[in-house]
C-alpha atoms as a PDB file:
ATOM      1  CA  UNK A   1      23.379  16.745  67.525  1.00  0.00           C
ATOM      2  CA  UNK A   2      24.633  15.460  70.897  1.00  0.00           C
ATOM      3  CA  UNK A   3      28.147  15.196  69.446  1.00  0.00           C
ATOM      4  CA  UNK A   4      27.958  18.833  68.275  1.00  0.00           C
ATOM      5  CA  UNK A   5      26.809  19.996  71.721  1.00  0.00           C
ATOM      6  CA  UNK A   6      29.618  18.012  73.359  1.00  0.00           C
ATOM      7  CA  UNK A   7      32.201  19.660  71.083  1.00  0.00           C
ATOM      8  CA  UNK A   8      30.818  23.127  71.838  1.00  0.00           C
ATOM      9  CA  UNK A   9      30.789  22.416  75.590  1.00  0.00           C
ATOM     10  CA  UNK A  10      34.377  21.154  75.451  1.00  0.00           C
ATOM     11  CA  UNK A  11      35.448  24.260  73.523  1.00  0.00           C
ATOM     12  CA  UNK A  12      33.780  26.526  76.093  1.00  0.00           C
ATOM     13  CA  UNK A  13      35.465  24.591  78.913  1.00  0.00           C
ATOM     14  CA  UNK A  14      38.905  24.862  77.296  1.00  0.00           C
ATOM     15  CA  UNK A  15      38.426  28.569  76.666  1.00  0.00           C
ATOM     16  CA  UNK A  16      37.314  29.043  80.285  1.00  0.00           C
ATOM     17  CA  UNK A  17      40.406  27.249  81.589  1.00  0.00           C
ATOM     18  CA  UNK A  18      42.665  29.319  79.305  1.00  0.00           C
ATOM     19  CA  UNK A  19      41.028  32.568  80.424  1.00  0.00           C
ATOM     20  CA  UNK A  20      41.381  31.570  84.079  1.00  0.00           C
ATOM     21  CA  UNK A  21      45.085  30.857  83.603  1.00  0.00           C
ATOM     22  CA  UNK A  22      45.691  34.192  81.857  1.00  0.00           C
ATOM     23  CA  UNK A  23      43.856  36.180  84.529  1.00  0.00           C
ATOM     24  CA  UNK A  24      45.555  34.251  87.318  1.00  0.00           C
ATOM     25  CA  UNK A  25      48.977  34.818  85.781  1.00  0.00           C
ATOM     26  CA  UNK A  26      48.340  38.548  85.414  1.00  0.00           C
ATOM     27  CA  UNK A  27      47.173  38.815  89.010  1.00  0.00           C
ATOM     28  CA  UNK A  28      50.219  36.964  90.280  1.00  0.00           C
ATOM     29  CA  UNK A  29      52.682  38.911  88.129  1.00  0.00           C
ATOM     30  CA  UNK A  30      54.713  41.088  90.431  1.00  0.00           C
ATOM     31  CA  UNK A  31      54.607  44.804  89.763  1.00  0.00           C
ATOM     32  CA  UNK A  32      57.984  46.528  89.770  1.00  0.00           C
ATOM     33  CA  UNK A  33      59.208  48.103  92.965  1.00  0.00           C
ATOM     34  CA  UNK A  34      59.444  51.886  92.621  1.00  0.00           C
ATOM     35  CA  UNK A  35      62.557  53.752  93.750  1.00  0.00           C
ATOM     36  CA  UNK A  36      62.991  57.494  93.355  1.00  0.00           C
ATOM     37  CA  UNK A  37      66.271  59.366  93.580  1.00  0.00           C
ATOM     38  CA  UNK A  38      67.381  62.992  93.528  1.00  0.00           C
ATOM     39  CA  UNK A  39      69.737  64.996  91.334  1.00  0.00           C
ATOM     40  CA  UNK A  40      73.392  64.862  92.418  1.00  0.00           C
ATOM     41  CA  UNK A  41      72.763  61.377  93.835  1.00  0.00           C
ATOM     42  CA  UNK A  42      74.813  58.498  92.428  1.00  0.00           C
ATOM     43  CA  UNK A  43      72.256  55.900  91.313  1.00  0.00           C
ATOM     44  CA  UNK A  44      73.406  52.291  90.758  1.00  0.00           C
ATOM     45  CA  UNK A  45      71.886  50.310  87.901  1.00  0.00           C
ATOM     46  CA  UNK A  46      72.573  47.015  89.711  1.00  0.00           C
ATOM     47  CA  UNK A  47      70.734  44.034  88.174  1.00  0.00           C
ATOM     48  CA  UNK A  48      67.684  46.090  87.117  1.00  0.00           C
ATOM     49  CA  UNK A  49      66.956  46.532  83.431  1.00  0.00           C
ATOM     50  CA  UNK A  50      64.639  48.427  81.094  1.00  0.00           C
ATOM     51  CA  UNK A  51      63.572  46.085  78.249  1.00  0.00           C
ATOM     52  CA  UNK A  52      66.246  43.437  77.911  1.00  0.00           C
ATOM     53  CA  UNK A  53      67.069  41.181  80.824  1.00  0.00           C
ATOM     54  CA  UNK A  54      70.295  40.196  79.020  1.00  0.00           C
ATOM     55  CA  UNK A  55      71.651  43.755  79.183  1.00  0.00           C
ATOM     56  CA  UNK A  56      72.619  44.052  82.843  1.00  0.00           C
ATOM     57  CA  UNK A  57      74.463  47.202  83.917  1.00  0.00           C
ATOM     58  CA  UNK A  58      75.572  46.086  87.367  1.00  0.00           C
ATOM     59  CA  UNK A  59      78.687  48.137  88.084  1.00  0.00           C
ATOM     60  CA  UNK A  60      77.386  51.229  86.320  1.00  0.00           C
ATOM     61  CA  UNK A  61      76.021  54.312  88.057  1.00  0.00           C
ATOM     62  CA  UNK A  62      74.394  57.499  86.785  1.00  0.00           C
ATOM     63  CA  UNK A  63      74.351  60.922  88.420  1.00  0.00           C
ATOM     64  CA  UNK A  64      72.172  63.764  87.144  1.00  0.00           C
ATOM     65  CA  UNK A  65      74.279  66.903  87.419  1.00  0.00           C
ATOM     66  CA  UNK A  66      72.087  69.559  85.871  1.00  0.00           C
ATOM     67  CA  UNK A  67      69.002  70.134  83.703  1.00  0.00           C
ATOM     68  CA  UNK A  68      67.717  73.039  81.628  1.00  0.00           C
ATOM     69  CA  UNK A  69      65.254  73.775  78.833  1.00  0.00           C
ATOM     70  CA  UNK A  70      66.717  75.570  75.824  1.00  0.00           C
ATOM     71  CA  UNK A  71      65.213  76.603  72.456  1.00  0.00           C
ATOM     72  CA  UNK A  72      66.140  73.949  69.898  1.00  0.00           C
ATOM     73  CA  UNK A  73      68.171  76.039  67.466  1.00  0.00           C
ATOM     74  CA  UNK A  74      69.923  77.876  70.304  1.00  0.00           C
ATOM     75  CA  UNK A  75      70.886  74.525  71.805  1.00  0.00           C
ATOM     76  CA  UNK A  76      72.235  73.280  68.475  1.00  0.00           C
ATOM     77  CA  UNK A  77      74.379  76.406  68.104  1.00  0.00           C
ATOM     78  CA  UNK A  78      75.660  76.078  71.674  1.00  0.00           C
ATOM     79  CA  UNK A  79      76.826  72.514  71.018  1.00  0.00           C
ATOM     80  CA  UNK A  80      78.153  73.300  67.530  1.00  0.00           C
ATOM     81  CA  UNK A  81      75.583  71.151  65.771  1.00  0.00           C
ATOM     82  CA  UNK A  82      74.805  71.851  62.121  1.00  0.00           C
ATOM     83  CA  UNK A  83      71.119  71.163  61.653  1.00  0.00           C
ATOM     84  CA  UNK A  84      69.852  69.717  58.370  1.00  0.00           C
ATOM     85  CA  UNK A  85      67.641  71.952  56.270  1.00  0.00           C
ATOM     86  CA  UNK A  86      63.966  71.591  57.063  1.00  0.00           C
ATOM     87  CA  UNK A  87      62.217  69.734  54.289  1.00  0.00           C
ATOM     88  CA  UNK A  88      58.559  69.958  53.344  1.00  0.00           C
ATOM     89  CA  UNK A  89      55.765  67.445  53.015  1.00  0.00           C
ATOM     90  CA  UNK A  90      53.702  66.848  49.864  1.00  0.00           C
ATOM     91  CA  UNK A  91      51.567  69.891  50.710  1.00  0.00           C
ATOM     92  CA  UNK A  92      54.555  72.170  51.076  1.00  0.00           C
ATOM     93  CA  UNK A  93      54.376  72.390  54.881  1.00  0.00           C
ATOM     94  CA  UNK A  94      57.646  72.492  56.773  1.00  0.00           C
ATOM     95  CA  UNK A  95      58.516  69.217  58.459  1.00  0.00           C
ATOM     96  CA  UNK A  96      58.439  69.121  62.251  1.00  0.00           C
ATOM     97  CA  UNK A  97      61.322  70.492  64.245  1.00  0.00           C
ATOM     98  CA  UNK A  98      61.128  70.573  68.060  1.00  0.00           C
ATOM     99  CA  UNK A  99      60.622  73.910  69.777  1.00  0.00           C
ATOM    100  CA  UNK A 100      63.022  73.159  72.613  1.00  0.00           C
ATOM    101  CA  UNK A 101      65.524  70.719  74.078  1.00  0.00           C
ATOM    102  CA  UNK A 102      65.215  69.442  77.624  1.00  0.00           C
ATOM    103  CA  UNK A 103      68.910  69.021  78.313  1.00  0.00           C
ATOM    104  CA  UNK A 104      69.889  66.663  81.120  1.00  0.00           C
ATOM    105  CA  UNK A 105      73.579  66.602  81.994  1.00  0.00           C
ATOM    106  CA  UNK A 106      74.641  63.309  83.555  1.00  0.00           C
ATOM    107  CA  UNK A 107      77.742  61.438  84.571  1.00  0.00           C
ATOM    108  CA  UNK A 108      77.981  57.734  83.787  1.00  0.00           C
ATOM    109  CA  UNK A 109      80.523  55.683  85.734  1.00  0.00           C
ATOM    110  CA  UNK A 110      81.572  52.075  85.349  1.00  0.00           C
ATOM    111  CA  UNK A 111      83.498  50.190  88.007  1.00  0.00           C
ATOM    112  CA  UNK A 112      83.747  46.642  86.662  1.00  0.00           C
ATOM    113  CA  UNK A 113      81.107  45.896  84.001  1.00  0.00           C
ATOM    114  CA  UNK A 114      82.562  44.581  80.731  1.00  0.00           C
ATOM    115  CA  UNK A 115      79.428  43.413  78.897  1.00  0.00           C
ATOM    116  CA  UNK A 116      76.459  45.747  79.496  1.00  0.00           C
ATOM    117  CA  UNK A 117      75.784  48.839  77.382  1.00  0.00           C
ATOM    118  CA  UNK A 118      74.030  52.097  78.176  1.00  0.00           C
ATOM    119  CA  UNK A 119      71.139  52.405  75.713  1.00  0.00           C
ATOM    120  CA  UNK A 120      69.518  55.770  75.084  1.00  0.00           C
ATOM    121  CA  UNK A 121      66.342  54.018  73.917  1.00  0.00           C
ATOM    122  CA  UNK A 122      66.134  52.816  77.528  1.00  0.00           C
ATOM    123  CA  UNK A 123      66.752  56.226  79.094  1.00  0.00           C
ATOM    124  CA  UNK A 124      63.583  58.304  79.094  1.00  0.00           C
ATOM    125  CA  UNK A 125      62.460  61.642  80.448  1.00  0.00           C
ATOM    126  CA  UNK A 126      58.844  61.455  81.597  1.00  0.00           C
ATOM    127  CA  UNK A 127      56.207  63.355  83.567  1.00  0.00           C
ATOM    128  CA  UNK A 128      54.372  60.268  84.761  1.00  0.00           C
ATOM    129  CA  UNK A 129      52.488  58.357  82.069  1.00  0.00           C
ATOM    130  CA  UNK A 130      51.375  61.179  79.756  1.00  0.00           C
ATOM    131  CA  UNK A 131      54.613  62.555  78.290  1.00  0.00           C
ATOM    132  CA  UNK A 132      57.746  60.667  77.266  1.00  0.00           C
ATOM    133  CA  UNK A 133      60.808  62.370  75.768  1.00  0.00           C
ATOM    134  CA  UNK A 134      63.637  60.620  73.921  1.00  0.00           C
ATOM    135  CA  UNK A 135      67.057  61.902  72.913  1.00  0.00           C
ATOM    136  CA  UNK A 136      67.059  63.694  69.552  1.00  0.00           C
ATOM    137  CA  UNK A 137      68.958  61.772  66.859  1.00  0.00           C
ATOM    138  CA  UNK A 138      70.133  64.826  64.869  1.00  0.00           C
ATOM    139  CA  UNK A 139      71.672  66.399  67.955  1.00  0.00           C
ATOM    140  CA  UNK A 140      73.003  63.178  69.473  1.00  0.00           C
ATOM    141  CA  UNK A 141      74.824  62.071  66.320  1.00  0.00           C
ATOM    142  CA  UNK A 142      76.790  65.310  66.012  1.00  0.00           C
ATOM    143  CA  UNK A 143      77.382  65.822  69.714  1.00  0.00           C
ATOM    144  CA  UNK A 144      78.925  62.344  69.989  1.00  0.00           C
ATOM    145  CA  UNK A 145      80.389  61.467  66.573  1.00  0.00           C
ATOM    146  CA  UNK A 146      82.660  58.874  68.188  1.00  0.00           C
ATOM    147  CA  UNK A 147      79.569  56.688  68.636  1.00  0.00           C
ATOM    148  CA  UNK A 148      79.032  56.543  64.843  1.00  0.00           C
ATOM    149  CA  UNK A 149      75.289  57.111  65.109  1.00  0.00           C
ATOM    150  CA  UNK A 150      74.727  54.467  67.762  1.00  0.00           C
ATOM    151  CA  UNK A 151      72.303  55.076  70.627  1.00  0.00           C
ATOM    152  CA  UNK A 152      74.176  52.631  72.864  1.00  0.00           C
ATOM    153  CA  UNK A 153      77.708  52.661  74.234  1.00  0.00           C
ATOM    154  CA  UNK A 154      80.007  51.140  76.837  1.00  0.00           C
ATOM    155  CA  UNK A 155      82.522  52.670  79.215  1.00  0.00           C
ATOM    156  CA  UNK A 156      85.752  50.961  80.090  1.00  0.00           C
ATOM    157  CA  UNK A 157      85.893  49.660  83.688  1.00  0.00           C
ATOM    158  CA  UNK A 158      87.020  52.249  86.236  1.00  0.00           C
ATOM    159  CA  UNK A 159      86.117  55.195  84.027  1.00  0.00           C
ATOM    160  CA  UNK A 160      83.516  57.965  84.060  1.00  0.00           C
ATOM    161  CA  UNK A 161      82.178  60.276  81.368  1.00  0.00           C
ATOM    162  CA  UNK A 162      79.809  63.234  81.316  1.00  0.00           C
ATOM    163  CA  UNK A 163      77.072  63.446  78.698  1.00  0.00           C
ATOM    164  CA  UNK A 164      74.453  65.999  77.713  1.00  0.00           C
ATOM    165  CA  UNK A 165      71.241  64.118  76.906  1.00  0.00           C
ATOM    166  CA  UNK A 166      69.189  66.210  74.417  1.00  0.00           C
ATOM    167  CA  UNK A 167      65.583  65.185  75.045  1.00  0.00           C
ATOM    168  CA  UNK A 168      62.864  66.500  72.734  1.00  0.00           C
ATOM    169  CA  UNK A 169      59.100  66.218  72.509  1.00  0.00           C
ATOM    170  CA  UNK A 170      57.530  64.258  69.644  1.00  0.00           C
ATOM    171  CA  UNK A 171      55.387  66.176  67.172  1.00  0.00           C
ATOM    172  CA  UNK A 172      52.147  64.563  68.381  1.00  0.00           C
ATOM    173  CA  UNK A 173      52.647  66.139  71.827  1.00  0.00           C
ATOM    174  CA  UNK A 174      54.271  69.403  70.727  1.00  0.00           C
ATOM    175  CA  UNK A 175      51.194  71.646  70.894  1.00  0.00           C
ATOM    176  CA  UNK A 176      50.004  70.318  74.246  1.00  0.00           C
ATOM    177  CA  UNK A 177      53.444  70.357  75.823  1.00  0.00           C
ATOM    178  CA  UNK A 178      54.991  73.570  74.619  1.00  0.00           C
ATOM    179  CA  UNK A 179      58.081  75.045  76.209  1.00  0.00           C
ATOM    180  CA  UNK A 180      56.265  77.120  78.825  1.00  0.00           C
ATOM    181  CA  UNK A 181      54.133  74.200  79.981  1.00  0.00           C
ATOM    182  CA  UNK A 182      57.041  71.764  80.215  1.00  0.00           C
ATOM    183  CA  UNK A 183      58.898  74.230  82.440  1.00  0.00           C
ATOM    184  CA  UNK A 184      56.131  73.651  85.009  1.00  0.00           C
ATOM    185  CA  UNK A 185      56.035  69.873  84.681  1.00  0.00           C
ATOM    186  CA  UNK A 186      57.570  67.533  87.241  1.00  0.00           C
ATOM    187  CA  UNK A 187      59.916  65.439  85.150  1.00  0.00           C
ATOM    188  CA  UNK A 188      61.861  62.299  85.991  1.00  0.00           C
ATOM    189  CA  UNK A 189      64.633  60.405  84.262  1.00  0.00           C
ATOM    190  CA  UNK A 190      63.734  56.711  84.120  1.00  0.00           C
ATOM    191  CA  UNK A 191      66.723  54.344  83.846  1.00  0.00           C
ATOM    192  CA  UNK A 192      65.189  50.914  84.575  1.00  0.00           C
ATOM    193  CA  UNK A 193      61.807  49.175  84.672  1.00  0.00           C
ATOM    194  CA  UNK A 194      62.275  45.678  86.195  1.00  0.00           C
ATOM    195  CA  UNK A 195      62.400  44.315  88.782  1.00  0.00           C
ATOM    196  CA  UNK A 196      62.941  47.786  90.240  1.00  0.00           C
ATOM    197  CA  UNK A 197      61.761  50.866  88.386  1.00  0.00           C
ATOM    198  CA  UNK A 198      64.317  53.568  89.110  1.00  0.00           C
ATOM    199  CA  UNK A 199      63.673  57.220  88.373  1.00  0.00           C
ATOM    200  CA  UNK A 200      65.557  60.398  89.170  1.00  0.00           C
ATOM    201  CA  UNK A 201      63.517  63.503  89.899  1.00  0.00           C
ATOM    202  CA  UNK A 202      64.524  66.562  87.890  1.00  0.00           C
ATOM    203  CA  UNK A 203      64.339  69.778  89.922  1.00  0.00           C
END
C-alpha cells in the first residue's frame, strides 16, 4: 500500500514539475514585435519569417501599390482567366465560388537574395483575427502560368516584378463577410510573423 502511495505521489510530483516547466516556458516566450506600414511604402522582409525560419527573405522588399474589390467573374474576365465549370455536390447543389476578389497589386523587389522564396501561403490578407483571405488557386494558376501552379517563386537579384494577388474569402466565411461588408473592413497584408510581425494597412 505504501509503495502504491509513493508511486502515485512521485507521479503527481513529476506531472507538477512538467506543468510548471510548460507554463514557465510559455510565459517567457517572447511575443512578436508588431510593425505596421502603409501602402506605397517599401517594406523590407529582412530576417523576419512567417512559418519557416529557414526561408529568409533578407534582400527582398514588397510595396503595395493598389487594392480593389471586384466581382469574381468580372475579375476573371479582366485578367483573361477561363474559369472551370461549376460542379455540383451529391445533392445537386452548385459548388462554392467566391462572390468577389480582393485584389492587391504589389511590387516585389530583390537586391541580393539567392536562396529565399516568396510564398503565397505566407502572404495573407486579414482584418485582425477574424477573417483571413488567401490567394485563389484557379485565378493564380492562369494569371501566372510561368510558375507552373506553384504558390512560391524567386526573383533574380537586382530585379523587380509587379503582381496582382487575387485574395478570396473561404466558403465558411462567405455569408458573414459578403462583398459590401468587406468594403468596410480594415484589412492588412501580413508578410511575416516572427520575430517581427509585419503588416501593411490597406486603405
